[in-house]
N, C-alpha and C. Protein backbone atom coordinates (compact mmCIF):
# COMPACT_ATOMS: atom_id res chain seq x y z
N MET A 1 50.93 14.00 126.13
CA MET A 1 52.00 14.51 125.90
C MET A 1 51.80 16.05 125.31
N ALA A 2 52.95 16.73 125.37
CA ALA A 2 52.68 18.21 124.72
C ALA A 2 52.72 18.37 123.30
N LYS A 3 51.65 19.38 122.61
CA LYS A 3 51.63 19.45 121.19
C LYS A 3 52.94 20.26 120.88
N LYS A 4 53.74 19.57 119.73
CA LYS A 4 55.00 20.30 119.44
C LYS A 4 54.55 21.58 118.80
N GLN A 5 55.24 22.75 119.42
CA GLN A 5 54.73 24.09 118.82
C GLN A 5 55.76 24.65 117.63
N PRO A 6 55.13 25.43 116.86
CA PRO A 6 56.03 25.72 115.62
C PRO A 6 56.98 26.59 116.44
N GLU A 7 58.39 26.83 115.35
CA GLU A 7 59.19 27.45 115.65
C GLU A 7 59.05 28.90 115.41
N LEU A 8 59.70 29.90 116.10
CA LEU A 8 59.50 31.35 116.21
C LEU A 8 60.58 31.54 114.80
N TYR A 9 61.74 30.89 114.77
CA TYR A 9 62.64 31.24 113.65
C TYR A 9 63.50 29.95 113.50
N ARG A 10 64.01 30.18 112.27
CA ARG A 10 64.45 29.02 111.69
C ARG A 10 66.26 29.55 111.64
N ILE A 11 67.04 28.57 111.90
CA ILE A 11 68.32 29.31 111.51
C ILE A 11 68.70 28.66 109.90
N PRO A 12 69.13 29.80 109.35
CA PRO A 12 68.94 29.36 107.79
C PRO A 12 70.11 28.44 107.35
N ARG A 13 69.67 27.81 106.30
CA ARG A 13 70.70 26.86 105.67
C ARG A 13 71.33 27.67 104.36
N LYS A 14 72.57 26.94 104.24
CA LYS A 14 73.68 27.79 103.44
C LYS A 14 73.22 27.94 101.92
N PRO A 15 72.95 29.21 101.60
CA PRO A 15 72.23 29.28 100.28
C PRO A 15 73.06 29.12 99.08
N GLY A 16 72.53 28.58 97.62
CA GLY A 16 73.60 28.64 96.75
C GLY A 16 74.27 29.77 96.36
N TYR A 17 75.08 30.03 95.32
CA TYR A 17 75.61 31.20 94.95
C TYR A 17 74.55 32.11 94.53
N LEU A 18 74.08 33.04 94.90
CA LEU A 18 73.38 33.77 94.50
C LEU A 18 73.51 34.87 93.68
N GLY A 19 74.66 35.26 93.17
CA GLY A 19 75.23 35.89 92.31
C GLY A 19 75.72 35.36 90.95
N GLY A 20 75.52 34.12 90.98
CA GLY A 20 76.18 33.32 90.04
C GLY A 20 75.48 33.30 88.56
N TYR A 21 75.93 33.71 87.59
CA TYR A 21 75.49 33.62 86.14
C TYR A 21 75.59 32.37 85.40
N ASP A 22 74.63 31.91 84.65
CA ASP A 22 74.65 30.91 83.73
C ASP A 22 75.33 31.10 82.39
N TRP A 23 76.62 30.97 82.73
CA TRP A 23 77.29 31.18 81.14
C TRP A 23 77.12 29.82 80.05
N ARG A 24 76.69 28.73 80.66
CA ARG A 24 76.31 27.72 79.79
C ARG A 24 75.08 27.68 79.23
N ALA A 25 74.10 28.58 79.52
CA ALA A 25 72.97 28.81 78.85
C ALA A 25 73.35 29.94 77.74
N THR A 26 74.32 31.16 78.11
CA THR A 26 74.43 31.86 77.38
C THR A 26 75.32 31.46 76.00
N ALA A 27 76.32 30.63 76.37
CA ALA A 27 77.18 29.93 75.34
C ALA A 27 76.34 29.10 74.22
N LEU A 28 75.32 28.52 74.79
CA LEU A 28 74.50 27.82 74.34
C LEU A 28 73.42 28.43 73.15
N GLY A 29 73.00 29.47 73.65
CA GLY A 29 72.10 30.42 73.18
C GLY A 29 72.80 31.12 71.73
N CYS A 30 73.89 31.50 72.20
CA CYS A 30 75.06 32.18 70.78
C CYS A 30 75.27 31.17 70.03
N LEU A 31 75.68 29.71 70.49
CA LEU A 31 76.11 28.72 69.58
C LEU A 31 74.70 28.41 68.54
N LEU A 32 73.47 28.23 69.15
CA LEU A 32 72.36 28.02 68.34
C LEU A 32 71.93 29.25 67.43
N LEU A 33 72.19 30.40 67.95
CA LEU A 33 72.30 31.36 67.04
C LEU A 33 73.13 31.55 65.46
N VAL A 34 74.11 31.01 65.96
CA VAL A 34 75.11 31.19 64.90
C VAL A 34 74.29 29.70 63.81
N VAL A 35 74.12 28.59 64.58
CA VAL A 35 73.38 27.46 63.71
C VAL A 35 72.56 28.01 62.94
N VAL A 36 71.74 28.61 63.71
CA VAL A 36 70.43 29.34 62.93
C VAL A 36 70.61 30.20 61.96
N ASN A 37 71.83 31.05 61.88
CA ASN A 37 72.39 31.60 60.79
C ASN A 37 72.76 31.08 59.93
N PHE A 38 73.87 29.90 59.99
CA PHE A 38 74.39 28.83 59.03
C PHE A 38 73.34 28.23 58.15
N VAL A 39 72.24 27.72 58.84
CA VAL A 39 71.16 27.11 58.17
C VAL A 39 70.36 28.05 57.19
N ALA A 40 70.34 29.36 57.61
CA ALA A 40 69.63 30.33 56.70
C ALA A 40 70.59 30.54 55.52
N THR A 41 71.96 30.53 55.78
CA THR A 41 72.92 30.98 54.70
C THR A 41 72.85 30.03 53.49
N GLN A 42 72.82 28.78 54.35
CA GLN A 42 73.05 27.35 53.26
C GLN A 42 71.64 27.23 52.41
N TYR A 43 70.46 27.85 53.36
CA TYR A 43 69.16 27.57 52.57
C TYR A 43 69.05 28.47 51.01
N ILE A 44 69.52 29.63 51.54
CA ILE A 44 69.40 30.71 50.55
C ILE A 44 70.42 30.41 49.50
N ALA A 45 71.68 29.72 49.62
CA ALA A 45 72.53 29.68 48.64
C ALA A 45 72.20 28.41 47.80
N ALA A 46 71.49 27.49 48.43
CA ALA A 46 70.76 26.31 47.78
C ALA A 46 69.49 26.89 46.93
N LYS A 47 68.70 27.91 47.24
CA LYS A 47 67.82 27.99 46.45
C LYS A 47 68.64 29.27 45.11
N PHE A 48 69.53 29.59 45.46
CA PHE A 48 70.24 30.27 44.32
C PHE A 48 71.21 29.33 43.56
N GLN A 49 71.24 28.30 44.00
CA GLN A 49 72.13 26.95 43.22
C GLN A 49 73.47 27.56 43.19
N TYR A 50 74.08 28.05 44.22
CA TYR A 50 75.34 28.39 44.84
C TYR A 50 75.90 29.27 43.72
N GLN A 51 75.31 30.22 43.07
CA GLN A 51 76.00 30.73 41.72
C GLN A 51 77.14 31.57 42.05
N PRO A 52 78.01 31.98 41.34
CA PRO A 52 79.12 32.83 41.59
C PRO A 52 78.75 34.13 42.28
N ALA A 53 77.84 34.47 41.95
CA ALA A 53 77.58 35.91 42.33
C ALA A 53 77.26 36.12 43.89
N LEU A 54 77.01 34.87 44.64
CA LEU A 54 76.96 34.76 46.12
C LEU A 54 78.44 35.10 46.70
N GLY A 55 79.28 34.85 45.64
CA GLY A 55 80.82 34.74 46.33
C GLY A 55 81.54 33.73 46.57
N ALA A 56 82.76 33.67 46.78
CA ALA A 56 83.57 32.30 47.15
C ALA A 56 83.00 31.75 48.48
N PRO A 57 82.69 30.26 48.48
CA PRO A 57 82.15 29.65 49.73
C PRO A 57 83.60 29.33 50.48
N ILE A 58 83.59 28.92 51.67
CA ILE A 58 84.73 28.17 52.45
C ILE A 58 85.08 27.13 51.89
N LEU A 59 83.93 26.22 51.83
CA LEU A 59 84.29 25.17 51.18
C LEU A 59 83.65 24.81 50.09
N ARG A 60 84.32 24.48 48.74
CA ARG A 60 83.53 24.04 47.46
C ARG A 60 83.14 22.32 47.69
N ALA A 61 82.27 21.86 47.23
CA ALA A 61 81.92 20.59 46.87
C ALA A 61 81.09 20.34 45.66
N LYS A 62 81.04 19.30 45.06
CA LYS A 62 80.45 18.78 43.89
C LYS A 62 79.06 19.42 43.77
N SER A 63 78.28 19.29 44.84
CA SER A 63 76.76 19.69 44.79
C SER A 63 76.72 21.06 45.34
N GLY A 64 77.53 21.64 45.73
CA GLY A 64 77.53 23.00 46.16
C GLY A 64 78.72 23.65 47.20
N GLY A 65 78.19 24.46 47.97
CA GLY A 65 79.55 24.97 48.54
C GLY A 65 78.84 25.51 50.05
N VAL A 66 79.96 25.81 50.78
CA VAL A 66 79.57 25.89 52.47
C VAL A 66 80.15 27.50 52.67
N TYR A 67 79.20 28.18 53.06
CA TYR A 67 79.36 29.89 53.00
C TYR A 67 79.71 30.13 54.56
N GLN A 68 80.03 31.21 54.82
CA GLN A 68 80.02 31.97 56.35
C GLN A 68 78.73 31.87 56.83
N PRO A 69 78.75 31.58 58.11
CA PRO A 69 77.31 31.53 58.79
C PRO A 69 76.37 32.83 58.33
N PHE A 70 77.07 34.25 58.46
CA PHE A 70 76.24 35.35 58.35
C PHE A 70 76.24 36.01 56.98
N SER A 71 76.47 34.91 55.91
CA SER A 71 76.79 35.55 54.51
C SER A 71 75.49 36.02 54.07
N TRP A 72 74.24 35.61 54.39
CA TRP A 72 73.07 35.85 54.16
C TRP A 72 72.83 37.67 54.46
N ILE A 73 73.57 37.76 55.33
CA ILE A 73 73.17 39.58 55.86
C ILE A 73 73.73 40.46 54.39
N ALA A 74 74.95 39.90 54.15
CA ALA A 74 75.54 40.72 52.92
C ALA A 74 74.88 40.68 51.83
N TRP A 75 74.59 39.21 51.34
CA TRP A 75 73.74 39.08 50.26
C TRP A 75 72.32 39.89 50.05
N GLY A 76 71.57 39.92 51.41
CA GLY A 76 70.40 40.53 51.49
C GLY A 76 70.90 42.10 51.15
N TRP A 77 71.70 42.56 52.08
CA TRP A 77 72.01 43.83 51.72
C TRP A 77 72.13 44.27 50.45
N ARG A 78 73.02 43.42 49.71
CA ARG A 78 73.32 43.71 48.16
C ARG A 78 72.19 43.53 47.32
N TYR A 79 71.13 42.55 47.67
CA TYR A 79 70.09 42.33 46.69
C TYR A 79 68.95 42.65 47.05
N CYS A 80 68.70 43.21 48.23
CA CYS A 80 67.32 43.82 48.71
C CYS A 80 66.61 44.68 47.82
N THR A 81 67.06 45.45 46.76
CA THR A 81 66.30 46.24 46.05
C THR A 81 65.70 45.74 44.97
N SER A 82 66.13 44.22 44.83
CA SER A 82 65.71 43.85 43.52
C SER A 82 64.13 43.74 43.40
N GLN A 83 63.71 43.89 42.32
CA GLN A 83 62.12 43.73 41.95
C GLN A 83 61.75 42.33 41.65
N ASP A 84 62.62 41.73 41.50
CA ASP A 84 62.23 40.17 40.67
C ASP A 84 61.90 39.35 41.85
N GLU A 85 60.82 38.97 41.79
CA GLU A 85 60.18 37.62 42.96
C GLU A 85 61.13 36.44 43.13
N ARG A 86 61.67 36.08 42.27
CA ARG A 86 62.64 34.60 42.22
C ARG A 86 63.82 35.41 43.22
N ILE A 87 64.14 36.57 43.21
CA ILE A 87 65.65 36.96 44.03
C ILE A 87 64.78 37.24 45.40
N ARG A 88 63.82 37.85 45.64
CA ARG A 88 63.43 38.45 46.93
C ARG A 88 62.78 37.11 47.71
N ARG A 89 61.98 36.21 47.23
CA ARG A 89 61.54 35.18 47.79
C ARG A 89 62.39 34.36 48.54
N PRO A 90 63.48 33.93 48.03
CA PRO A 90 64.43 33.00 48.94
C PRO A 90 65.12 33.76 50.11
N PHE A 91 65.42 35.53 49.94
CA PHE A 91 65.79 36.11 51.05
C PHE A 91 64.70 36.40 51.96
N PHE A 92 63.30 36.32 51.93
CA PHE A 92 62.12 36.58 52.45
C PHE A 92 62.61 35.29 53.56
N GLU A 93 62.42 33.93 52.69
CA GLU A 93 62.34 32.74 53.70
C GLU A 93 63.47 32.41 54.46
N GLY A 94 64.61 33.07 53.84
CA GLY A 94 65.83 32.86 55.07
C GLY A 94 65.69 33.59 56.06
N GLU A 95 65.30 34.95 55.90
CA GLU A 95 64.80 35.99 57.12
C GLU A 95 64.04 35.15 58.05
N MET A 96 63.18 34.44 57.42
CA MET A 96 61.85 33.98 58.45
C MET A 96 62.73 32.66 59.19
N ILE A 97 63.85 32.06 58.49
CA ILE A 97 64.27 31.01 59.29
C ILE A 97 65.19 31.62 60.49
N VAL A 98 65.53 32.62 60.13
CA VAL A 98 66.70 33.57 61.21
C VAL A 98 65.54 33.68 62.58
N PHE A 99 64.43 34.52 61.99
CA PHE A 99 63.66 35.19 62.77
C PHE A 99 63.12 33.95 63.79
N ALA A 100 62.46 32.98 63.14
CA ALA A 100 61.69 31.97 64.02
C ALA A 100 62.78 31.17 64.82
N GLY A 101 64.04 31.03 64.30
CA GLY A 101 65.26 30.28 65.16
C GLY A 101 65.59 30.85 66.16
N SER A 102 65.84 32.33 66.22
CA SER A 102 66.15 33.35 66.81
C SER A 102 65.44 33.78 68.17
N LEU A 103 63.91 33.48 67.64
CA LEU A 103 62.71 33.20 68.89
C LEU A 103 63.01 31.87 69.74
N ALA A 104 63.35 30.94 68.96
CA ALA A 104 63.37 29.50 69.78
C ALA A 104 64.64 29.52 70.41
N CYS A 105 65.76 30.45 70.29
CA CYS A 105 67.14 30.46 70.72
C CYS A 105 66.74 31.39 71.92
N VAL A 106 66.07 32.37 71.94
CA VAL A 106 65.89 33.03 73.25
C VAL A 106 65.10 32.27 74.21
N GLY A 107 64.04 31.65 73.58
CA GLY A 107 63.17 31.01 74.50
C GLY A 107 63.92 29.76 75.33
N ILE A 108 64.89 28.88 74.61
CA ILE A 108 65.46 28.05 75.16
C ILE A 108 66.57 28.64 76.14
N PHE A 109 67.11 29.91 75.73
CA PHE A 109 68.12 30.39 76.85
C PHE A 109 67.18 30.88 78.21
N PHE A 110 65.88 31.50 77.93
CA PHE A 110 65.43 31.67 79.31
C PHE A 110 65.00 30.32 80.11
N VAL A 111 64.55 29.24 79.26
CA VAL A 111 64.30 28.53 80.03
C VAL A 111 65.69 27.75 80.94
N LEU A 112 66.65 27.36 80.32
CA LEU A 112 67.71 27.01 80.97
C LEU A 112 68.31 28.02 81.97
N ALA A 113 68.38 29.28 81.64
CA ALA A 113 68.75 30.10 82.61
C ALA A 113 67.81 30.27 84.01
N GLY A 114 66.47 30.13 83.61
CA GLY A 114 65.61 30.38 84.68
C GLY A 114 65.74 28.74 85.62
N ARG A 115 65.88 27.99 85.03
CA ARG A 115 66.52 26.58 85.60
C ARG A 115 67.44 26.63 86.57
N ARG A 116 68.35 27.50 86.06
CA ARG A 116 69.82 27.51 86.56
C ARG A 116 69.41 28.45 87.71
N ALA A 117 68.62 29.75 87.68
CA ALA A 117 68.63 30.33 88.58
C ALA A 117 67.86 29.86 89.70
N ARG A 118 66.74 28.94 89.35
CA ARG A 118 66.07 28.49 90.74
C ARG A 118 66.96 27.50 91.44
N GLN A 119 68.14 26.91 90.81
CA GLN A 119 69.05 26.10 91.45
C GLN A 119 69.87 26.61 92.28
N LEU A 120 70.64 27.94 91.87
CA LEU A 120 71.03 28.89 92.62
C LEU A 120 70.65 29.50 93.83
N THR A 121 69.26 29.57 93.81
CA THR A 121 68.58 30.22 94.89
C THR A 121 67.92 29.10 95.99
N GLU A 122 68.53 27.91 95.52
CA GLU A 122 67.63 26.99 96.61
C GLU A 122 68.13 27.35 97.92
N ASN A 123 67.56 27.33 98.98
CA ASN A 123 67.76 27.43 100.55
C ASN A 123 68.09 29.04 100.79
N ALA A 124 67.37 29.62 99.92
CA ALA A 124 67.65 31.06 100.28
C ALA A 124 66.18 31.71 100.73
N GLU A 125 65.35 30.35 101.51
CA GLU A 125 64.30 31.41 101.78
C GLU A 125 64.06 32.27 103.13
N ASP A 126 65.35 31.87 103.85
CA ASP A 126 65.63 32.56 104.99
C ASP A 126 66.58 33.61 105.01
N LEU A 127 67.13 33.92 103.85
CA LEU A 127 68.45 34.86 103.44
C LEU A 127 68.14 36.16 104.22
N HIS A 128 67.16 36.80 104.70
CA HIS A 128 66.94 37.66 105.15
C HIS A 128 65.96 37.90 106.83
N GLY A 129 66.02 36.50 107.05
CA GLY A 129 65.70 36.40 108.39
C GLY A 129 64.15 35.34 108.25
N SER A 130 63.98 34.43 109.08
CA SER A 130 62.64 33.83 109.27
C SER A 130 61.58 33.92 110.40
N ALA A 131 61.92 35.32 110.98
CA ALA A 131 60.71 35.53 112.28
C ALA A 131 59.54 35.69 111.26
N ARG A 132 58.62 35.31 112.50
CA ARG A 132 57.22 35.46 112.08
C ARG A 132 56.27 36.15 113.19
N TRP A 133 55.54 36.24 113.10
CA TRP A 133 54.43 36.68 113.94
C TRP A 133 53.95 35.83 114.81
N ALA A 134 53.84 36.17 116.24
CA ALA A 134 53.53 35.31 117.17
C ALA A 134 52.33 34.91 117.17
N ASP A 135 51.75 33.38 117.42
CA ASP A 135 50.33 33.39 117.62
C ASP A 135 49.77 33.10 119.01
N GLU A 136 48.92 32.78 119.11
CA GLU A 136 48.10 32.30 120.75
C GLU A 136 49.01 31.72 121.33
N ASP A 137 49.37 30.52 120.72
CA ASP A 137 50.52 29.95 121.96
C ASP A 137 51.60 30.65 122.27
N ASP A 138 51.89 31.29 121.63
CA ASP A 138 53.60 32.02 121.99
C ASP A 138 53.17 32.91 122.74
N THR A 139 51.99 33.67 122.74
CA THR A 139 51.97 34.87 123.70
C THR A 139 51.37 34.19 124.98
N LEU A 140 50.94 33.07 125.20
CA LEU A 140 50.47 32.25 126.31
C LEU A 140 51.43 31.77 127.03
N GLY A 141 52.48 31.69 126.58
CA GLY A 141 53.89 31.20 126.98
C GLY A 141 54.08 29.50 126.71
N ARG A 142 53.22 29.11 125.73
CA ARG A 142 53.49 27.50 125.38
C ARG A 142 54.17 27.38 124.53
N ARG A 143 55.30 27.89 124.09
CA ARG A 143 56.30 27.54 123.29
C ARG A 143 57.24 26.53 123.74
N SER A 144 58.03 26.39 122.50
CA SER A 144 59.18 25.27 122.82
C SER A 144 60.39 25.50 123.97
N PRO A 145 60.51 24.94 124.85
CA PRO A 145 61.61 25.54 125.82
C PRO A 145 63.17 25.76 125.07
N ARG A 146 63.39 25.05 123.78
CA ARG A 146 64.55 25.50 123.64
C ARG A 146 64.76 26.93 122.63
N HIS A 147 63.53 27.92 122.87
CA HIS A 147 63.69 29.31 122.57
C HIS A 147 63.43 29.96 123.45
N THR A 148 63.93 29.67 124.74
CA THR A 148 63.94 30.55 125.89
C THR A 148 65.11 31.48 126.16
N ALA A 149 65.13 32.51 126.82
CA ALA A 149 66.51 33.08 126.91
C ALA A 149 67.39 32.30 127.68
N GLU A 150 66.69 31.61 128.93
CA GLU A 150 67.60 30.85 129.46
C GLU A 150 68.36 29.75 128.76
N ASP A 151 67.84 28.95 127.78
CA ASP A 151 68.67 28.30 127.03
C ASP A 151 69.39 28.75 125.94
N SER A 152 69.05 29.99 125.41
CA SER A 152 69.86 30.71 124.63
C SER A 152 71.37 31.17 125.42
N ASN A 153 71.10 31.71 126.73
CA ASN A 153 72.52 31.74 127.41
C ASN A 153 73.03 30.64 127.48
N ARG A 154 72.69 29.65 128.02
CA ARG A 154 73.32 28.46 128.27
C ARG A 154 73.92 27.76 127.16
N ALA A 155 73.26 28.04 125.91
CA ALA A 155 74.38 27.51 124.78
C ALA A 155 75.26 28.37 124.34
N ARG A 156 75.37 29.44 124.76
CA ARG A 156 76.24 30.36 124.40
C ARG A 156 77.30 30.48 125.63
N GLY A 157 77.12 29.87 126.74
CA GLY A 157 78.03 29.65 127.76
C GLY A 157 78.02 30.75 128.76
N VAL A 158 77.03 31.27 128.75
CA VAL A 158 76.80 32.46 129.87
C VAL A 158 76.10 32.10 130.82
N THR A 159 76.42 32.02 132.24
CA THR A 159 75.56 31.61 133.40
C THR A 159 75.16 32.89 134.49
N GLY A 160 74.78 32.82 135.41
CA GLY A 160 74.59 33.55 136.37
C GLY A 160 73.38 34.20 135.88
N ASP A 161 72.85 35.38 136.74
CA ASP A 161 71.85 36.00 136.67
C ASP A 161 71.81 37.34 135.56
N HIS A 162 70.77 37.35 134.83
CA HIS A 162 71.02 38.35 133.69
C HIS A 162 69.68 39.41 133.89
N HIS A 163 69.95 40.57 133.97
CA HIS A 163 68.99 41.55 134.15
C HIS A 163 68.97 42.57 132.87
N GLU A 164 67.86 43.25 132.61
CA GLU A 164 67.86 44.20 131.60
C GLU A 164 67.56 45.59 132.53
N SER A 165 68.38 46.47 132.26
CA SER A 165 68.14 47.78 132.90
C SER A 165 67.69 48.81 132.09
N PHE A 166 67.06 49.75 132.67
CA PHE A 166 66.41 50.63 131.89
C PHE A 166 66.10 52.01 133.12
N PRO A 167 66.12 53.19 132.24
CA PRO A 167 66.09 54.33 133.40
C PRO A 167 64.52 54.56 133.73
N GLN A 168 64.49 55.09 134.63
CA GLN A 168 62.96 54.88 135.07
C GLN A 168 62.70 56.31 134.51
N THR A 169 61.10 56.56 134.99
CA THR A 169 60.59 57.52 134.45
C THR A 169 60.86 59.10 135.29
N ARG A 170 60.55 60.12 134.83
CA ARG A 170 61.30 61.54 135.72
C ARG A 170 60.96 61.47 136.96
N SER A 171 59.49 60.73 137.36
CA SER A 171 59.09 60.92 138.69
C SER A 171 59.88 60.04 139.65
N THR A 172 60.40 59.18 139.06
CA THR A 172 61.58 58.48 140.04
C THR A 172 62.98 58.36 139.89
N GLN A 173 63.38 59.53 139.20
CA GLN A 173 64.81 59.80 138.84
C GLN A 173 65.93 59.78 139.62
N SER A 174 65.46 60.08 141.08
CA SER A 174 66.37 60.26 142.02
C SER A 174 66.65 58.92 142.51
N ARG A 175 66.13 58.03 142.10
CA ARG A 175 66.35 56.51 142.94
C ARG A 175 67.31 55.66 141.84
N GLY A 176 67.67 56.33 140.45
CA GLY A 176 68.57 55.70 139.67
C GLY A 176 67.67 54.85 138.62
N PHE A 177 68.67 53.59 138.56
CA PHE A 177 68.23 52.57 137.63
C PHE A 177 67.32 51.49 138.10
N GLN A 178 66.46 50.80 137.31
CA GLN A 178 65.70 49.60 137.67
C GLN A 178 65.92 48.54 137.16
N CYS A 179 65.94 47.55 137.77
CA CYS A 179 66.54 46.34 137.28
C CYS A 179 65.42 45.39 136.93
N ALA A 180 65.08 44.89 135.98
CA ALA A 180 63.66 44.08 135.63
C ALA A 180 64.12 42.56 135.99
């Protein structure tokens, strides 16, 4: 029995949508950034025991209040020049919560976006063709018969003899074209 020869080319499968964008990962990353800022704001407010100098909360409870997620930025801007360690330390800790949380959000975004990008590019190996260099079996004529020109013509419904025509060299120019 003849050994099955490797194919010279493959018909590409239908690829995923290569131009897609992962809006879910982006939306999740933005939501996580808002959550991180909310946690930092509530942490700083708790450290200052929800004092009236922080401004009015969105929601007031017996034990404290709920502030806007990005309120820590305005507070930090207003009180950043204070020399008192009791004021500067909670802001520093809140900023570190935002910094670490932002790094985590970016990491989560890239993991999710990378996974989605791999899914979208599945079946795209042959997007720009699958031809390969011929090996020894190909050059000795031992390739699969389904790759012959006759089979290709038959598959397209073309019958009869087909010849390639090319002009002859200058020395035989008077004789016209030669058929191969």
